[in-house]
Amino acid sequence: MKKRKKFLGKSVERKYLFEFVYGSIDGTITTFAVVAGAVGASLNSAIILILGFANLFADGFSMAVSNYLSTKSQVELNLSHNHKHHHREKNPRKTALATFVAFVIGGAIPLLPFLLASQSPLINSNKFLFASVLTALAFLCIGSFRSHITNKHPARTAIETFVIGGIAAAIAFLVGYLLRGLVA
C-alpha cells in the first residue's frame, strides 16, 4: 500500500503536486493570454472561445506528452545507471495526467465568462472584466498552493504567481492591440 500524505483534508500524493501546480499555472496563463490578446485585437466572443478552447486542449495535450516523455526519460536514465531510487520514481502516465487535468482546469477559468455571457446581461457586457477577476483569483489561489511545494509563505507565492500571470496577460493584450489592424 502506497503511503499518502494528507493535504487540505484530502489524500494526495505529494510527489505529483509539482505537476498540478505547473499545469494549472501554465493553463491559466496561456489561456488568459489568448483571451487578452484576442480582446486587445477586438475579436468577437466566438473567436475568443474557439482560440481559447483550441489552446486549452492542444497546449494541455502538448504539455502532458512532454511531461510524460521527460519523466519516462528520467526513469529510464535512472534504471540504466542502476540508481536505487526506484521506489520513489514518478509514474510517467500519472505525471502526464496530472499536468493535463490541472492545465484544463486552470485554463478553463478565463473562458468561463465568455461561456456564460448569454446567461446574464451583466456578464455579457463585462466578459473581459469577469475573466480578469476570475483569472486573478486563480493566480492567487494557485500561487498560495505553491507554498506547499516551495515551503515559502503562501502570500509571497500567491503574489509572485499573480504578478507573473499579469505580466503575461499584459504582453498578450498589448500584442493583440498593436496587431488589431491586421484583422479585417
Foldseek 3Di string as FASTA:
>chain_A
DDDFDQDPNDTDRVVLLVLLLVLLLVLQLVLLLLLLLCVLLVHDLVVNVVSSVVCQQVVLQVVLVVQLVVLVVVLVVCVVVVPPCVVVRDHSNVSSVSNSVSSNVNNCQLSVLSVCLVVDVVSVVCSNVNSLVSSLVSLLVSQLSCCVVVVDHSRVSSVVSSVVSVVSNVVSSVNSNVCSVVPD
